[in-house]
Amino acid sequence: MSITILDIHSVVYGAHKGNPIYKCGFPISGVAKVFGIINGLLNRDDFALCFDGDSIIKKRIIS
């Protein structure tokens, strides 16, 4: 069994720097990318979303 871990910070940063899209002056490309990936993963039972915080757990999970 495998699990897909989606690092939200990396996806948002990469989407905004790679193809910035603005709507009413706000950058939306990162959020659109995250929702697109989540939409593709909804048919799977084994994915997790990771967000940065005070103590970064995702580094321990990935390694």
Protein backbone atom coordinates (compact mmCIF):
# COMPACT_ATOMS: atom_id res chain seq x y z
CA MET A 1 0.00 0.00 0.00
CA SER A 2 1.23 3.48 -0.80
CA ILE A 3 0.03 6.90 0.27
CA THR A 4 0.24 10.15 -1.66
CA ILE A 5 1.36 13.10 0.46
CA LEU A 6 0.56 16.50 -0.99
CA ASP A 7 2.74 19.34 0.32
CA ILE A 8 0.37 22.30 0.00
CA HIS A 9 3.06 24.97 0.46
CA SER A 10 5.22 23.59 -2.36
CA VAL A 11 2.26 23.25 -4.74
CA VAL A 12 1.02 26.79 -4.11
CA TYR A 13 4.51 28.29 -4.39
CA GLY A 14 5.37 26.36 -7.54
CA ALA A 15 2.10 27.16 -9.27
CA HIS A 16 2.34 30.86 -8.47
CA LYS A 17 5.98 31.18 -9.54
CA GLY A 18 5.51 28.99 -12.62
CA ASN A 19 2.32 30.49 -14.02
CA PRO A 20 0.94 33.40 -11.99
CA ILE A 21 -2.76 34.01 -12.59
CA TYR A 22 -4.49 37.00 -11.00
CA LYS A 23 -8.20 37.55 -10.46
CA CYS A 24 -9.25 41.01 -9.21
CA GLY A 25 -5.62 41.64 -8.21
CA PHE A 26 -5.28 38.46 -6.10
CA PRO A 27 -2.99 35.57 -7.08
CA ILE A 28 -5.18 32.47 -7.56
CA SER A 29 -2.99 30.07 -9.53
CA GLY A 30 -1.68 28.29 -6.43
CA VAL A 31 -5.13 27.66 -4.97
CA ALA A 32 -6.46 26.55 -8.37
CA LYS A 33 -3.58 24.07 -8.68
CA VAL A 34 -4.22 22.60 -5.20
CA PHE A 35 -7.92 22.10 -5.92
CA GLY A 36 -7.09 20.55 -9.29
CA ILE A 37 -4.77 18.01 -7.68
CA ILE A 38 -7.25 17.24 -4.90
CA ASN A 39 -9.96 16.74 -7.52
CA GLY A 40 -7.76 14.16 -9.24
CA LEU A 41 -7.07 12.36 -5.96
CA LEU A 42 -10.67 12.17 -4.72
CA ASN A 43 -11.20 8.70 -6.18
CA ARG A 44 -8.32 7.38 -4.03
CA ASP A 45 -8.53 6.46 -0.37
CA ASP A 46 -4.89 7.03 0.42
CA PHE A 47 -3.81 10.65 0.21
CA ALA A 48 -2.89 13.21 2.84
CA LEU A 49 -2.50 16.98 2.79
CA CYS A 50 0.46 18.50 4.64
CA PHE A 51 0.66 22.11 5.76
CA ASP A 52 3.66 23.91 7.26
CA GLY A 53 3.35 24.90 10.89
CA ASP A 54 5.41 25.44 14.02
CA SER A 55 6.86 21.93 14.08
CA ILE A 56 7.24 20.46 10.63
CA ILE A 57 6.04 16.85 10.86
CA LYS A 58 6.07 16.22 7.11
CA LYS A 59 9.86 15.87 7.06
CA ARG A 60 9.61 12.98 9.55
CA ILE A 61 6.72 11.43 7.59
CA ILE A 62 8.51 11.58 4.24
CA SER A 63 11.88 10.28 5.48
